[in-house]
């Protein structure tokens, strides 16, 4: 049985997002932009706290990675009202992640760290409605990526070779996630 196509998953997820949720995400992210460096610090600190096993997927020096994280989030948020325009890139990222050995289990702590960061960064402005909108946004993108990753056939193993090549040392998880 073939997994659901990413287009089908996208159709199901996007129809769950309301224009109000899109607006809440976009407006709340505008409040994060002035504290983007601190938000990136919070995010990675929390991610490595709750999922230390993902730390090796990232470069030692996170300076550039943090900038890429905030740029990636800004791109996704700014295009949320026309999410279909970013879907092909998100699908490609999901497929590439599969090649790096990223599993479905890696996406959950990333989402949890993102929501935690938004809660800390936005404070009282992170209302239940804003949180629900961000959860919907993240699960939409996560669903597209994991569905695309599921379409990737595992590479055949050769005797004595590792199942996956080691991840590149200079590219971190989000660099691989969003190119």
Foldseek 3Di string as FASTA:
>chain_A
DAFDALVVLLVVLLVVADPVLLVLQLVLVVLCVVVQVVLLVQLVVQLCVVCVVQVQQFAPDCPVVSVLVNVVSNVLSVCSVPNVVCLVLLLVLLQLVLQQVDALVSLVSSLVSNLVSSCVSRPPSCDPSNSVSSVSSSVSSSSSSPSSNSPDDQDDDDPPDDSHDHRDNHDHDSSSSRD
